[in-house]
Amino acid sequence: MTTPDFELAGIGLEYRAGVRALDSIDLTIRRGEQVAIVGANGSGKSTLLKILDGLVFPTSGSIKAFGATLTEHALEDPAFRKDFRSRVGFVFQEADVQLFCSNARDELAFGPLQLGLDAGEVERRVNEVAAQLRIEKLLDRAPYTLSGGEKKRVAIGSVLTMEPQALLMDEPSSALDPRSQVWLLSVLDEWKRQGRTAIIATHDLSAAAESADRMVVLSEDHVVVADGPPEKVLAQRELLLAVNLIHEHAHRHQTVTHTHPHHTHPHTHPHTT
């Protein structure tokens, strides 16, 4: 059996006494899975992604990445760090956090250069990813001159050129217009075809249903309350109401007022909070 990409056991994170971001998270993510982590703002989605990326570390529980225990101490070892960083790519919610080079071409080349690849291989990857993401015309432009959607594409490209085994994306559809959202789904479809792992954090149920084959729901108490195929999770309306992913809408007919939850269907855009 193939070793899972990530194994989390009893993961908890407490920022300070009594303030928890995650609580008792047990989660196994196998190679090639497309997983959507969904929850209301503040539920711990982004924190969970950062733990998977080794950017923050839990205060309780343990995590394994590709069969090896992931700790702050382990990442101090240069060989372990290089191997881990080459396998995991992270796309932040705000592209401006991620972009710092003088032009888009250098952004795409930065990661492969840090991996020690030769100039020819770096150029090949930059050109290949630029064509895939349709950003060839942006390569010589400075990031600050780009639109929000263009910045997002360059940020994704800067991760894809590293050819990671697992791609982590925080609210990937934010700042994207409808056409770019369709484009993003095609990128994730290609990623899945290649047998790579993708984990996205979002509160957009439509994006989650269309991009993932598994949905993990975090409650506002920072625990996992559902984990399964999107169609089964989305059928649990009371659960989605309880975790603040859909809301009840009130209708008034003369003197009578009634409420109902908005529908959540993979091909519609539910009201989210």
Protein backbone atom coordinates (compact mmCIF):
# COMPACT_ATOMS: atom_id res chain seq x y z
CA MET A 1 0.00 0.00 0.00
CA THR A 2 1.29 3.46 -0.90
CA THR A 3 2.34 5.59 2.05
CA PRO A 4 -0.17 8.43 2.63
CA ASP A 5 1.02 11.92 1.82
CA PHE A 6 -0.18 13.18 5.20
CA GLU A 7 -1.23 11.49 8.45
CA LEU A 8 -2.54 13.69 11.27
CA ALA A 9 -3.28 12.19 14.69
CA GLY A 10 -4.88 14.23 17.46
CA ILE A 11 -3.64 17.53 16.02
CA GLY A 12 -4.41 20.55 18.15
CA LEU A 13 -3.12 24.11 18.08
CA GLU A 14 -3.51 26.58 20.91
CA TYR A 15 -2.27 30.10 20.22
CA ARG A 16 -2.47 31.01 23.88
CA ALA A 17 -4.20 29.64 26.95
CA GLY A 18 -7.83 28.93 26.10
CA VAL A 19 -7.61 30.12 22.48
CA ARG A 20 -7.63 27.14 20.13
CA ALA A 21 -7.33 27.14 16.36
CA LEU A 22 -7.66 23.36 15.92
CA ASP A 23 -8.75 20.59 18.26
CA SER A 24 -8.12 16.82 18.02
CA ILE A 25 -7.84 16.58 14.23
CA ASP A 26 -7.42 13.06 12.86
CA LEU A 27 -6.94 13.09 9.10
CA THR A 28 -5.24 10.89 6.51
CA ILE A 29 -4.72 12.16 2.98
CA ARG A 30 -3.58 9.63 0.41
CA ARG A 31 -1.59 10.27 -2.72
CA GLY A 32 -3.67 11.53 -5.61
CA GLU A 33 -6.66 12.62 -3.51
CA GLN A 34 -8.39 15.90 -4.26
CA VAL A 35 -9.54 17.14 -0.85
CA ALA A 36 -11.55 20.25 0.01
CA ILE A 37 -11.34 21.48 3.59
CA VAL A 38 -14.42 23.61 4.17
CA GLY A 39 -15.61 25.66 7.08
CA ALA A 40 -16.72 29.13 8.07
CA ASN A 41 -14.20 31.92 8.52
CA GLY A 42 -12.20 31.26 11.68
CA SER A 43 -12.80 27.51 11.71
CA GLY A 44 -9.11 26.72 11.25
CA LYS A 45 -8.88 25.89 7.53
CA SER A 46 -5.89 28.10 6.79
CA THR A 47 -4.15 26.99 9.98
CA LEU A 48 -4.56 23.36 8.97
CA LEU A 49 -2.98 24.06 5.58
CA LYS A 50 -0.05 25.82 7.25
CA ILE A 51 0.50 22.79 9.49
CA LEU A 52 0.52 20.55 6.42
CA ASP A 53 3.12 22.87 4.89
CA GLY A 54 5.31 22.97 7.98
CA LEU A 55 4.80 26.71 8.44
CA VAL A 56 3.28 26.35 11.91
CA PHE A 57 3.43 23.41 14.29
CA PRO A 58 0.75 21.83 16.47
CA THR A 59 0.83 22.10 20.24
CA SER A 60 -0.58 18.58 20.54
CA GLY A 61 -0.75 15.48 18.39
CA SER A 62 1.57 14.42 15.58
CA ILE A 63 1.85 14.73 11.82
CA LYS A 64 3.61 12.59 9.25
CA ALA A 65 4.39 13.77 5.73
CA PHE A 66 5.24 11.10 3.16
CA GLY A 67 5.87 8.63 5.98
CA ALA A 68 8.27 10.82 8.00
CA THR A 69 7.41 12.70 11.17
CA LEU A 70 7.14 16.42 10.45
CA THR A 71 8.41 18.67 13.23
CA GLU A 72 10.21 21.98 13.51
CA HIS A 73 13.34 20.08 14.51
CA ALA A 74 13.09 17.76 11.48
CA LEU A 75 12.95 20.76 9.13
CA GLU A 76 16.24 22.02 10.55
CA ASP A 77 17.96 19.15 8.74
CA PRO A 78 18.93 20.45 5.25
CA ALA A 79 18.32 17.13 3.46
CA PHE A 80 14.89 16.63 5.06
CA ARG A 81 13.93 20.25 4.42
CA LYS A 82 14.91 20.14 0.74
CA ASP A 83 13.03 16.87 0.19
CA PHE A 84 9.90 18.12 1.97
CA ARG A 85 9.90 21.53 0.27
CA SER A 86 10.30 19.92 -3.13
CA ARG A 87 7.24 17.73 -2.51
CA VAL A 88 4.82 20.31 -1.11
CA GLY A 89 3.67 23.55 -2.75
CA PHE A 90 1.57 26.22 -1.04
CA VAL A 91 -0.55 28.88 -2.76
CA PHE A 92 -1.55 31.58 -0.29
CA GLN A 93 -4.95 33.22 -0.30
CA GLU A 94 -3.45 36.65 -0.99
CA ALA A 95 -1.11 36.50 -3.98
CA ASP A 96 0.71 39.66 -2.85
CA VAL A 97 2.08 37.70 0.12
CA GLN A 98 3.74 35.28 -2.29
CA LEU A 99 5.08 37.54 -5.05
CA PHE A 100 8.31 39.45 -4.47
CA CYS A 101 10.48 39.21 -7.62
CA SER A 102 10.97 41.96 -10.20
CA ASN A 103 8.89 40.19 -12.87
CA ALA A 104 6.64 37.18 -13.34
CA ARG A 105 9.33 35.16 -15.12
CA ASP A 106 11.59 35.38 -12.07
CA GLU A 107 8.67 34.40 -9.84
CA LEU A 108 8.21 31.17 -11.80
CA ALA A 109 11.94 30.48 -11.84
CA PHE A 110 12.61 31.17 -8.16
CA GLY A 111 11.48 27.82 -6.71
CA PRO A 112 13.29 25.58 -9.23
CA LEU A 113 16.46 27.63 -8.76
CA GLN A 114 16.24 27.09 -5.00
CA LEU A 115 16.03 23.35 -5.69
CA GLY A 116 19.35 23.57 -7.47
CA LEU A 117 18.08 22.76 -10.98
CA ASP A 118 20.22 23.79 -13.95
CA ALA A 119 19.32 26.79 -16.09
CA GLY A 120 18.00 24.73 -18.99
CA GLU A 121 15.59 22.76 -16.80
CA VAL A 122 14.43 25.93 -15.07
CA GLU A 123 13.70 27.59 -18.41
CA ARG A 124 11.82 24.51 -19.62
CA ARG A 125 9.61 24.49 -16.54
CA VAL A 126 8.93 28.23 -16.70
CA ASN A 127 7.90 28.07 -20.37
CA GLU A 128 5.81 24.93 -19.88
CA VAL A 129 3.90 26.29 -16.88
CA ALA A 130 3.45 29.72 -18.47
CA ALA A 131 1.85 28.04 -21.49
CA GLN A 132 -0.35 25.83 -19.29
CA LEU A 133 -1.58 28.84 -17.29
CA ARG A 134 -1.74 31.12 -20.35
CA ILE A 135 0.46 33.77 -18.80
CA GLU A 136 3.22 33.97 -21.44
CA LYS A 137 2.41 37.65 -22.07
CA LEU A 138 2.82 38.42 -18.38
CA LEU A 139 6.32 37.00 -17.92
CA ASP A 140 8.18 40.29 -18.32
CA ARG A 141 5.76 42.35 -16.27
CA ALA A 142 6.24 43.36 -12.64
CA PRO A 143 3.75 41.72 -10.24
CA TYR A 144 2.44 45.10 -9.01
CA THR A 145 1.20 45.88 -12.55
CA LEU A 146 -0.98 42.76 -12.68
CA SER A 147 -4.67 42.40 -11.88
CA GLY A 148 -5.79 40.28 -8.93
CA GLY A 149 -6.59 37.32 -11.18
CA GLU A 150 -3.28 37.63 -13.03
CA LYS A 151 -1.38 37.72 -9.75
CA LYS A 152 -3.20 34.56 -8.66
CA ARG A 153 -2.14 32.79 -11.86
CA VAL A 154 1.48 33.82 -11.39
CA ALA A 155 1.38 32.71 -7.74
CA ILE A 156 0.03 29.30 -8.78
CA GLY A 157 2.63 29.12 -11.52
CA SER A 158 5.45 29.83 -9.07
CA VAL A 159 4.41 26.67 -7.21
CA LEU A 160 3.73 24.47 -10.25
CA THR A 161 7.23 25.03 -11.63
CA MET A 162 8.54 23.16 -8.59
CA GLU A 163 6.46 20.14 -9.68
CA PRO A 164 5.41 19.26 -6.13
CA GLN A 165 3.71 16.01 -5.23
CA ALA A 166 1.10 17.79 -3.12
CA LEU A 167 -0.45 21.19 -3.82
CA LEU A 168 -2.01 23.18 -0.97
CA MET A 169 -4.26 26.10 -1.92
CA ASP A 170 -5.92 28.59 0.42
CA GLU A 171 -9.18 30.01 -1.01
CA PRO A 172 -7.95 29.46 -4.59
CA SER A 173 -11.04 30.93 -6.26
CA SER A 174 -10.79 34.30 -4.50
CA ALA A 175 -9.87 37.21 -6.82
CA LEU A 176 -10.74 35.10 -9.87
CA ASP A 177 -13.43 36.08 -12.35
CA PRO A 178 -15.84 33.34 -13.57
CA ARG A 179 -13.71 32.50 -16.61
CA SER A 180 -10.59 32.17 -14.45
CA GLN A 181 -12.47 29.97 -11.99
CA VAL A 182 -13.27 27.57 -14.85
CA TRP A 183 -9.60 27.69 -15.81
CA LEU A 184 -8.61 26.80 -12.22
CA LEU A 185 -10.87 23.74 -12.29
CA SER A 186 -9.14 22.58 -15.47
CA VAL A 187 -5.75 22.95 -13.74
CA LEU A 188 -6.96 20.83 -10.84
CA ASP A 189 -8.39 18.25 -13.25
CA GLU A 190 -4.99 17.98 -14.93
CA TRP A 191 -3.33 17.70 -11.53
CA LYS A 192 -5.65 14.82 -10.68
CA ARG A 193 -4.97 13.13 -14.02
CA GLN A 194 -1.28 13.17 -13.16
CA GLY A 195 -1.97 11.41 -9.87
CA ARG A 196 -0.91 14.35 -7.73
CA THR A 197 -2.54 15.44 -4.48
CA ALA A 198 -4.46 18.70 -4.15
CA ILE A 199 -5.82 20.10 -0.89
CA ILE A 200 -7.83 23.31 -0.98
CA ALA A 201 -9.26 25.30 1.89
CA THR A 202 -12.44 27.20 1.08
CA HIS A 203 -15.84 28.26 2.31
CA ASP A 204 -17.16 28.21 -1.28
CA LEU A 205 -19.19 25.00 -1.41
CA SER A 206 -19.64 25.16 -5.17
CA ALA A 207 -15.89 25.39 -5.79
CA ALA A 208 -15.29 22.58 -3.30
CA ALA A 209 -17.87 20.29 -4.88
CA GLU A 210 -16.56 20.85 -8.40
CA SER A 211 -12.87 20.49 -7.60
CA ALA A 212 -12.71 17.74 -4.96
CA ASP A 213 -13.58 14.09 -4.61
CA ARG A 214 -13.54 14.35 -0.81
CA MET A 215 -14.82 17.06 1.52
CA VAL A 216 -13.68 17.60 5.11
CA VAL A 217 -15.84 19.94 7.20
CA LEU A 218 -14.48 21.96 10.12
CA SER A 219 -16.89 23.41 12.66
CA GLU A 220 -16.55 26.75 14.41
CA ASP A 221 -15.34 24.71 17.38
CA HIS A 222 -12.30 23.77 15.21
CA VAL A 223 -13.05 20.05 14.98
CA VAL A 224 -13.80 17.77 12.00
CA VAL A 225 -17.56 17.14 11.89
CA ALA A 226 -17.85 15.47 8.46
CA ASP A 227 -15.55 13.73 6.01
CA GLY A 228 -16.70 12.08 2.80
CA PRO A 229 -17.73 12.49 -0.84
CA PRO A 230 -19.03 16.02 -1.59
CA GLU A 231 -22.48 14.81 -2.60
CA LYS A 232 -22.98 13.11 0.77
CA VAL A 233 -21.65 16.03 2.79
CA LEU A 234 -23.74 18.57 0.87
CA ALA A 235 -26.88 16.53 1.52
CA GLN A 236 -26.51 17.19 5.28
CA ARG A 237 -28.29 20.54 5.39
CA GLU A 238 -28.67 20.69 9.15
CA LEU A 239 -24.95 20.11 9.55
CA LEU A 240 -24.11 22.84 7.01
CA LEU A 241 -26.41 25.23 8.84
CA ALA A 242 -24.82 24.34 12.17
CA VAL A 243 -21.28 25.03 10.93
CA ASN A 244 -22.34 28.33 9.30
CA LEU A 245 -21.66 27.29 5.70
CA ILE A 246 -25.22 27.97 4.57
CA HIS A 247 -27.85 30.16 6.14
CA GLU A 248 -31.60 30.22 6.45
CA HIS A 249 -33.39 32.72 4.29
CA ALA A 250 -36.62 34.25 5.60
CA HIS A 251 -39.62 34.81 3.33
CA ARG A 252 -42.67 36.79 4.36
CA HIS A 253 -46.06 36.08 2.81
CA GLN A 254 -48.53 38.68 4.09
CA THR A 255 -48.59 37.95 7.85
CA VAL A 256 -46.72 34.62 7.72
CA THR A 257 -42.92 34.34 7.82
CA HIS A 258 -41.06 31.09 7.13
CA THR A 259 -37.44 30.16 6.70
CA HIS A 260 -35.55 27.57 4.70
CA PRO A 261 -31.90 26.81 4.04
CA HIS A 262 -30.49 27.72 0.66
CA HIS A 263 -29.79 24.74 -1.52
CA THR A 264 -26.20 23.57 -1.99
CA HIS A 265 -25.61 21.80 -5.27
CA PRO A 266 -22.38 21.29 -7.19
CA HIS A 267 -23.67 23.29 -10.13
CA THR A 268 -25.14 26.22 -8.24
CA HIS A 269 -23.60 28.92 -6.12
CA PRO A 270 -24.95 28.64 -2.57
CA HIS A 271 -25.02 31.55 -0.19
CA THR A 272 -22.01 31.29 2.08
CA THR A 273 -20.79 33.21 5.06
